[in-house]
Amino acid sequence: MCRIETGLPKGDNIMARFGIHLSISGGLTNATSRAVELGCDCFQIFSRNPRTLKAKPLDPGEANSFRAAVVEAGLKPVVIHANYLINVASPKDETYEKSVSALTDELRRAEILGADCLVLHPGNHLGSGVEAGSRRIASAIDRAYEDSGALVPICLENMAGAGTEIGVSFSELRSIIDISERGPFLRICLDTCHAYGGGYNVATERGLDATLGELDSAVGLDRVMIVHANDSKGQLGSGKDRHDHIGEGSIGLAGFRAILARPELRRLPFVLETPVDAPEDQVRDLAALKACAAGEER
């Protein structure tokens, strides 16, 4: 059975926590040091090389050092993002089995590292249809939990709608939850860029009302565990997953001020996945996000 109590702050008056997806180049503890240096409250990492489905086992000593560094720094939540190459919606048997194996390993690693959640892109059905793909995703999740014995909750991430992606609509995420035996314990990662690309106008007050209303109706706002805070280079409903710096894309600073003013969302951790074109980009985007939370005009 999955762990659902994460110790995250609760209540409408709790301020959001802010973090960044950070590189683990040079070792896992380097990511914690970088998070502290940047002024993060939380952070996200890959626990393994994102360019291959193969992975070396975690070094126990490095894992212990990582957990100790996280506690010492007071960083929470620790978010692991699953490898982008995993496609547990694939109708191709070889790809599917490799993806299930990789997802199982991701859960094991997240457990060993003391992560609070594992974010997963649901996958691409490659023409086999959303219903069939959703059943494969649910089955893969159930198998991965059974084989790993992990208790870390998986957060299904909403997608922008490129190609044959599953999880563009909140109802598609709900279908996976309903089919999976682990459904009651699955959570949601809300990506602002993906939502905008998928046709949810989170850039306006009216659009945000409609988006959160549909999200609540489809899966329940209480299932949302983390927000990926990304501006969008693409236009509304474009289906493009192209992240932009906070305030420089189609969502804009006004959009993020509105998002961060919502009591349903401001209790959640916001993690940046914005481009890193220059060393100062992460500092600037984090500052912009915090300013939006404070309602500041920039």
Foldseek 3Di string as FASTA:
>chain_A
DADQDQPFDDDLPAFAFEEAEDEQVPALVVRLVVGVVLPGQAYEYALADLVDLDGDDDDLVRLVVLLVSCVVSNRPAYEYEQRPQQALLEPDVVSNVSNLVSLLSSLLSCQSNVHQAYEYQQHFNQPPDLLSSLLSSQVSVQVSCVVNVGRHAYAHEAALAPDRGFRVFLLSVLSSLVNHPCSVRHAHEYEPQSNQSSQQLLLDLVSVVVRVVRNCVRPRLVRHAEYAYFAYQDGGNNSDDAGAAAQPHDSHLSSLLSQLVDSSRRSHYYYYPHDPPDPCRSSVSRVSNVCSNVVHDD
